[in-house]
Protein backbone atom coordinates (compact mmCIF):
# COMPACT_ATOMS: atom_id res chain seq x y z
CA UNK A 1 -52.92 47.97 135.04
CA UNK A 2 -50.98 49.59 132.19
CA UNK A 3 -52.89 51.48 129.51
CA UNK A 4 -53.38 49.90 126.09
CA UNK A 5 -50.74 50.98 123.60
CA UNK A 6 -51.45 52.73 120.32
CA UNK A 7 -50.14 52.03 116.87
CA UNK A 8 -47.14 54.34 116.60
CA UNK A 9 -44.40 54.67 114.02
CA UNK A 10 -42.05 57.34 112.76
CA UNK A 11 -43.76 59.77 110.43
CA UNK A 12 -47.33 58.73 111.30
CA UNK A 13 -50.15 61.25 110.83
CA UNK A 14 -53.09 61.40 113.24
CA UNK A 15 -56.35 63.18 113.73
CA UNK A 16 -56.70 63.68 117.50
CA UNK A 17 -59.66 64.78 119.60
CA UNK A 18 -60.47 65.01 123.28
CA UNK A 19 -63.56 66.24 125.08
CA UNK A 20 -64.31 67.57 128.53
CA UNK A 21 -65.65 65.15 131.12
CA UNK A 22 -69.47 65.05 130.88
CA UNK A 23 -68.97 67.49 127.96
CA UNK A 24 -67.96 70.21 130.45
CA UNK A 25 -66.02 73.20 129.24
CA UNK A 26 -62.27 72.76 128.97
CA UNK A 27 -61.68 76.43 128.13
CA UNK A 28 -63.20 79.07 130.40
CA UNK A 29 -61.43 82.22 129.27
CA UNK A 30 -58.87 83.65 126.89
CA UNK A 31 -55.94 82.63 129.10
CA UNK A 32 -57.01 78.96 128.89
CA UNK A 33 -57.01 79.00 125.10
CA UNK A 34 -53.68 80.76 125.07
CA UNK A 35 -52.19 78.25 127.51
CA UNK A 36 -53.29 75.31 125.39
CA UNK A 37 -51.78 76.84 122.24
CA UNK A 38 -48.52 77.46 124.12
CA UNK A 39 -48.46 73.81 125.18
CA UNK A 40 -49.03 72.68 121.60
CA UNK A 41 -46.06 74.77 120.55
CA UNK A 42 -44.12 73.20 123.43
CA UNK A 43 -44.61 69.63 122.20
CA UNK A 44 -43.42 70.66 118.74
CA UNK A 45 -40.17 71.82 120.33
CA UNK A 46 -39.67 69.10 122.95
CA UNK A 47 -40.82 66.03 121.01
CA UNK A 48 -40.67 67.11 117.37
CA UNK A 49 -44.43 66.85 116.86
CA UNK A 50 -45.62 68.58 113.71
CA UNK A 51 -49.03 70.13 114.27
CA UNK A 52 -50.67 71.06 110.98
CA UNK A 53 -54.15 72.07 112.17
CA UNK A 54 -56.17 72.57 115.32
CA UNK A 55 -59.49 73.96 116.46
CA UNK A 56 -60.17 74.67 120.12
CA UNK A 57 -63.86 74.61 121.01
CA UNK A 58 -65.33 75.36 124.45
CA UNK A 59 -65.70 71.70 125.45
CA UNK A 60 -63.35 69.84 123.07
CA UNK A 61 -60.45 70.18 120.68
CA UNK A 62 -59.44 68.75 117.30
CA UNK A 63 -55.89 68.47 116.04
CA UNK A 64 -53.90 67.02 113.16
CA UNK A 65 -50.30 66.15 113.85
CA UNK A 66 -47.43 64.11 112.49
CA UNK A 67 -44.96 62.31 114.75
CA UNK A 68 -41.49 61.98 113.16
CA UNK A 69 -40.37 60.13 116.31
CA UNK A 70 -43.41 57.86 116.50
CA UNK A 71 -44.36 59.20 119.93
CA UNK A 72 -47.98 60.38 119.85
CA UNK A 73 -48.75 58.98 123.31
CA UNK A 74 -45.86 60.88 124.87
CA UNK A 75 -46.84 64.12 123.15
CA UNK A 76 -50.51 63.96 124.12
CA UNK A 77 -49.78 62.82 127.66
CA UNK A 78 -47.80 66.02 128.15
CA UNK A 79 -50.38 68.21 126.41
CA UNK A 80 -53.49 66.90 128.20
CA UNK A 81 -51.76 66.26 131.51
CA UNK A 82 -49.99 69.58 131.94
CA UNK A 83 -53.01 71.50 130.69
CA UNK A 84 -55.27 69.75 133.21
CA UNK A 85 -52.90 70.60 136.06
CA UNK A 86 -52.66 74.27 135.13
CA UNK A 87 -56.37 74.61 134.34
CA UNK A 88 -57.29 73.17 137.74
CA UNK A 89 -54.82 75.42 139.50
CA UNK A 90 -56.09 78.53 137.71
CA UNK A 91 -59.76 77.75 138.40
CA UNK A 92 -59.30 76.16 141.85
CA UNK A 93 -60.56 72.78 140.73
CA UNK A 94 -59.41 69.20 141.21
CA UNK A 95 -59.67 65.91 139.38
CA UNK A 96 -59.85 64.89 135.70
CA UNK A 97 -60.67 67.55 133.14
CA UNK A 98 -61.05 65.35 130.07
CA UNK A 99 -63.49 62.50 129.47
CA UNK A 100 -60.58 60.08 129.19
CA UNK A 101 -57.65 59.38 126.92
CA UNK A 102 -57.60 61.21 123.63
CA UNK A 103 -59.21 59.66 120.55
CA UNK A 104 -56.97 59.26 117.55
CA UNK A 105 -57.38 58.18 113.93
CA UNK A 106 -54.30 57.08 112.04
CA UNK A 107 -54.66 58.78 108.68
CA UNK A 108 -53.38 58.31 105.16
CA UNK A 109 -52.06 61.83 104.64
CA UNK A 110 -51.87 61.45 100.86
CA UNK A 111 -55.63 60.94 100.66
CA UNK A 112 -57.13 62.72 103.66
CA UNK A 113 -54.82 65.37 105.11
CA UNK A 114 -56.27 68.29 103.17
CA UNK A 115 -59.86 67.23 103.79
CA UNK A 116 -59.26 66.97 107.54
CA UNK A 117 -57.54 70.36 107.72
CA UNK A 118 -60.60 71.93 106.11
CA UNK A 119 -63.02 70.03 108.33
CA UNK A 120 -61.20 71.03 111.51
CA UNK A 121 -60.95 74.69 110.54
CA UNK A 122 -64.67 74.81 109.76
CA UNK A 123 -65.66 73.47 113.19
CA UNK A 124 -66.54 76.91 114.66
CA UNK A 125 -68.92 77.58 111.74
CA UNK A 126 -70.55 74.16 112.05
CA UNK A 127 -71.06 74.84 115.77
CA UNK A 128 -72.71 78.19 115.01
CA UNK A 129 -70.06 80.16 116.89
CA UNK A 130 -69.10 82.42 113.96
CA UNK A 131 -70.26 83.08 110.42
CA UNK A 132 -66.79 83.82 109.09
CA UNK A 133 -63.72 81.71 109.93
CA UNK A 134 -61.58 84.83 110.07
CA UNK A 135 -63.57 85.86 113.16
CA UNK A 136 -62.60 82.81 115.20
CA UNK A 137 -59.32 83.32 117.10
CA UNK A 138 -58.76 79.81 118.53
CA UNK A 139 -57.89 77.71 115.51
CA UNK A 140 -54.91 77.42 113.18
CA UNK A 141 -56.97 78.95 110.35
CA UNK A 142 -55.56 82.38 111.05
CA UNK A 143 -52.08 80.83 111.15
CA UNK A 144 -52.54 79.78 107.53
CA UNK A 145 -53.32 83.37 106.60
CA UNK A 146 -50.48 84.92 108.60
CA UNK A 147 -46.89 85.48 107.55
CA UNK A 148 -45.68 86.51 111.01
CA UNK A 149 -43.06 84.53 112.94
CA UNK A 150 -45.64 83.90 115.66
CA UNK A 151 -46.86 80.95 113.59
CA UNK A 152 -43.49 79.48 112.62
CA UNK A 153 -44.16 76.48 114.86
CA UNK A 154 -47.28 75.50 112.87
CA UNK A 155 -46.50 72.82 110.27
CA UNK A 156 -48.50 74.56 107.55
CA UNK A 157 -46.01 74.87 104.69
CA UNK A 158 -46.35 71.19 103.83
CA UNK A 159 -50.14 71.50 103.58
CA UNK A 160 -49.95 74.70 101.55
CA UNK A 161 -47.40 73.15 99.20
CA UNK A 162 -49.95 70.46 98.33
CA UNK A 163 -52.39 73.17 97.23
CA UNK A 164 -49.90 75.02 95.03
CA UNK A 165 -46.19 75.09 94.28
CA UNK A 166 -46.22 78.88 93.97
CA UNK A 167 -45.33 80.33 97.36
CA UNK A 168 -46.72 83.76 96.57
CA UNK A 169 -50.15 82.28 95.82
CA UNK A 170 -50.46 79.88 98.74
CA UNK A 171 -52.81 81.97 100.84
CA UNK A 172 -55.12 82.53 97.85
CA UNK A 173 -55.07 78.81 97.10
CA UNK A 174 -55.87 78.05 100.74
CA UNK A 175 -58.81 80.47 100.78
CA UNK A 176 -60.21 78.90 97.60
CA UNK A 177 -59.83 75.47 99.14
CA UNK A 178 -61.63 76.51 102.32
CA UNK A 179 -64.64 77.67 100.31
CA UNK A 180 -65.19 74.15 99.00
CA UNK A 181 -67.67 71.85 100.74
CA UNK A 182 -66.45 69.10 103.02
CA UNK A 183 -66.67 65.65 101.50
CA UNK A 184 -69.66 63.52 102.46
CA UNK A 185 -67.26 60.80 103.64
CA UNK A 186 -65.63 63.09 106.19
CA UNK A 187 -68.97 64.49 107.33
CA UNK A 188 -70.34 61.01 107.98
CA UNK A 189 -67.14 59.86 109.66
CA UNK A 190 -67.43 62.33 112.51
CA UNK A 191 -71.13 61.65 113.01
CA UNK A 192 -70.38 58.06 113.95
CA UNK A 193 -70.37 57.13 117.62
CA UNK A 194 -67.32 54.93 117.15
CA UNK A 195 -64.54 56.30 115.00
CA UNK A 196 -62.35 54.02 112.90
CA UNK A 197 -58.78 53.41 114.00
CA UNK A 198 -57.45 54.16 110.52
CA UNK A 199 -58.59 56.36 107.66
CA UNK A 200 -57.09 55.45 104.32
CA UNK A 201 -57.40 53.39 101.18
CA UNK A 202 -56.78 49.65 100.92
CA UNK A 203 -53.13 50.17 99.97
CA UNK A 204 -52.56 52.12 103.20
CA UNK A 205 -54.46 49.54 105.26
CA UNK A 206 -52.44 46.75 103.62
CA UNK A 207 -49.18 48.49 104.50
CA UNK A 208 -50.29 48.77 108.13
CA UNK A 209 -51.27 45.11 108.19
CA UNK A 210 -47.85 44.07 106.92
CA UNK A 211 -46.12 46.17 109.54
CA UNK A 212 -48.32 45.80 112.61
CA UNK A 213 -50.95 43.09 112.37
CA UNK A 214 -48.86 40.01 113.11
CA UNK A 215 -45.84 41.54 114.81
CA UNK A 216 -47.78 43.56 117.39
CA UNK A 217 -51.19 41.99 117.72
CA UNK A 218 -51.76 41.37 121.41
CA UNK A 219 -54.15 42.59 124.15
CA UNK A 220 -51.97 45.61 124.94
CA UNK A 221 -52.46 47.01 121.45
CA UNK A 222 -56.19 46.60 120.80
CA UNK A 223 -56.01 48.97 117.81
CA UNK A 224 -54.03 46.38 115.87
CA UNK A 225 -57.09 44.12 115.88
CA UNK A 226 -58.79 46.74 113.68
CA UNK A 227 -56.34 45.78 110.93
CA UNK A 228 -57.78 42.26 110.69
CA UNK A 229 -59.47 41.54 107.34
CA UNK A 230 -63.26 41.73 107.29
CA UNK A 231 -65.10 38.43 107.42
CA UNK A 232 -66.58 38.97 103.96
CA UNK A 233 -63.10 39.65 102.59
CA UNK A 234 -61.89 36.32 103.96
CA UNK A 235 -64.84 34.48 102.43
CA UNK A 236 -64.31 36.11 99.05
CA UNK A 237 -60.57 35.41 99.06
CA UNK A 238 -61.14 31.74 99.89
CA UNK A 239 -63.82 31.36 97.21
CA UNK A 240 -61.58 32.94 94.58
CA UNK A 241 -58.66 30.76 95.61
CA UNK A 242 -60.64 27.50 95.41
CA UNK A 243 -62.82 28.72 92.52
CA UNK A 244 -66.07 27.96 94.30
CA UNK A 245 -69.28 29.86 94.93
CA UNK A 246 -69.78 31.38 98.38
CA UNK A 247 -72.68 29.02 98.95
CA UNK A 248 -70.09 26.22 99.16
CA UNK A 249 -68.90 27.70 102.46
CA UNK A 250 -72.28 26.90 104.01
CA UNK A 251 -72.46 23.26 102.91
CA UNK A 252 -71.90 20.40 105.33
CA UNK A 253 -72.22 16.81 104.19
CA UNK A 254 -71.55 13.83 106.40
CA UNK A 255 -68.36 12.04 105.43
CA UNK A 256 -67.21 14.78 103.03
CA UNK A 257 -64.26 17.05 103.79
CA UNK A 258 -65.14 20.56 102.61
CA UNK A 259 -61.71 22.18 102.45
CA UNK A 260 -62.81 25.69 101.29
CA UNK A 261 -65.34 25.94 104.12
CA UNK A 262 -62.98 24.58 106.74
CA UNK A 263 -60.16 26.81 105.55
CA UNK A 264 -62.40 29.89 105.73
CA UNK A 265 -63.43 28.98 109.28
CA UNK A 266 -59.81 28.49 110.29
CA UNK A 267 -58.73 31.82 108.79
CA UNK A 268 -61.57 33.68 110.52
CA UNK A 269 -60.57 32.18 113.83
CA UNK A 270 -56.84 32.79 113.46
CA UNK A 271 -56.88 36.24 111.86
CA UNK A 272 -59.95 37.80 113.44
CA UNK A 273 -60.08 35.87 116.73
CA UNK A 274 -63.86 35.64 116.34
CA UNK A 275 -65.66 33.58 118.95
CA UNK A 276 -66.81 30.03 118.21
CA UNK A 277 -70.45 31.03 118.55
CA UNK A 278 -70.01 33.84 116.00
CA UNK A 279 -68.20 31.50 113.62
CA UNK A 280 -70.92 28.89 113.97
CA UNK A 281 -73.57 31.44 113.09
CA UNK A 282 -71.66 32.77 110.06
CA UNK A 283 -71.06 29.32 108.56
CA UNK A 284 -74.36 27.67 109.39
CA UNK A 285 -72.93 25.30 112.01
CA UNK A 286 -75.19 23.61 114.53
CA UNK A 287 -73.25 25.01 117.47
CA UNK A 288 -69.92 26.32 118.69
CA UNK A 289 -68.73 22.76 119.36
CA UNK A 290 -68.95 22.07 115.63
CA UNK A 291 -66.65 25.03 114.92
CA UNK A 292 -64.20 23.74 117.50
CA UNK A 293 -64.23 20.29 115.91
CA UNK A 294 -63.47 21.75 112.47
CA UNK A 295 -60.59 23.84 113.82
CA UNK A 296 -59.01 20.91 115.61
CA UNK A 297 -59.51 18.65 112.60
CA UNK A 298 -57.83 21.08 110.23
CA UNK A 299 -54.81 21.43 112.48
CA UNK A 300 -54.42 17.64 112.42
CA UNK A 301 -54.71 17.74 108.62
CA UNK A 302 -51.89 20.27 108.44
CA UNK A 303 -49.58 17.86 110.24
CA UNK A 304 -50.26 15.14 107.67
CA UNK A 305 -50.71 17.25 104.55
CA UNK A 306 -47.96 19.79 103.86
CA UNK A 307 -49.64 20.97 100.67
CA UNK A 308 -52.79 21.90 102.56
CA UNK A 309 -50.73 23.77 105.14
CA UNK A 310 -49.01 25.63 102.30
CA UNK A 311 -52.41 26.59 100.89
CA UNK A 312 -53.33 28.03 104.27
CA UNK A 313 -50.09 30.04 104.43
CA UNK A 314 -50.72 31.40 100.95
CA UNK A 315 -54.21 32.57 101.89
CA UNK A 316 -53.08 33.96 105.24
CA UNK A 317 -50.32 35.98 103.60
CA UNK A 318 -52.63 37.26 100.88
CA UNK A 319 -55.19 38.42 103.43
CA UNK A 320 -52.68 40.14 105.70
CA UNK A 321 -50.59 41.77 103.02
CA UNK A 322 -53.50 42.49 100.72
CA UNK A 323 -51.93 40.65 97.79
CA UNK A 324 -54.03 39.33 94.97
CA UNK A 325 -51.99 36.24 94.27
CA UNK A 326 -53.83 32.91 94.68
């Protein structure tokens, strides 16, 4: 069975992490760390990846990279795969080294790039490995302080240019930035068991929905399902459109066609693919068969009532694109 695909596009930014199987060490000695850094440099040359930050810890790594070619899966397959082969050969081991495929968060660089660079570079301090970042040799922190050609492959100039437009003061600006506390949002993000697929504001999420939600939503790209609007967002949009209170979505009267309620149920089913049992519970239905009856009934209404179908299309478009028109 083929592996699920990821959301990829030219110029995308990602936060990437992978961990050793059973939290085992993935770096045993200096040569392992050095090998991994060499392989990171390799993917910047072979596949045009732009790595802006990394931190290599004994049993996991963090990385921020941009993919001008939209090829994160290809880049990380080479990095993790080749490293595993060479690590096993060096230490006379066999089998998987990592827990599984790498985790990735698609990030809105305009809002979160700087915060993530700082968070990643501070990892060794948070883990109690050093008291001073300058003491830790296996992160890109020292690359930000260095002016040697050894670090030319690190995509740091873009990050530094955000901090200041004065090239001669970039290192000072970076050091000041690193002394600031991490945001509470970023701290809480990485404490969660399940990370979000995207990290960005509603404008960024809306752009992703327009580009990926409908065109690429299928079982092979499970990440695209994360772009579906939240149930509460659908309810609110429907209520605003029909100018009704949310309590109207819970009302069921025999012989009365409740279009706002039925439309909300239909949108939840079509956009979120929620199960009938879940829909029944959310809208106070007696059972999943009632939800099915409403869905079938509305589809029949669409065939007879073009205006109602147009209202559905207006709401669907507004929810996917994030527009405010009603």
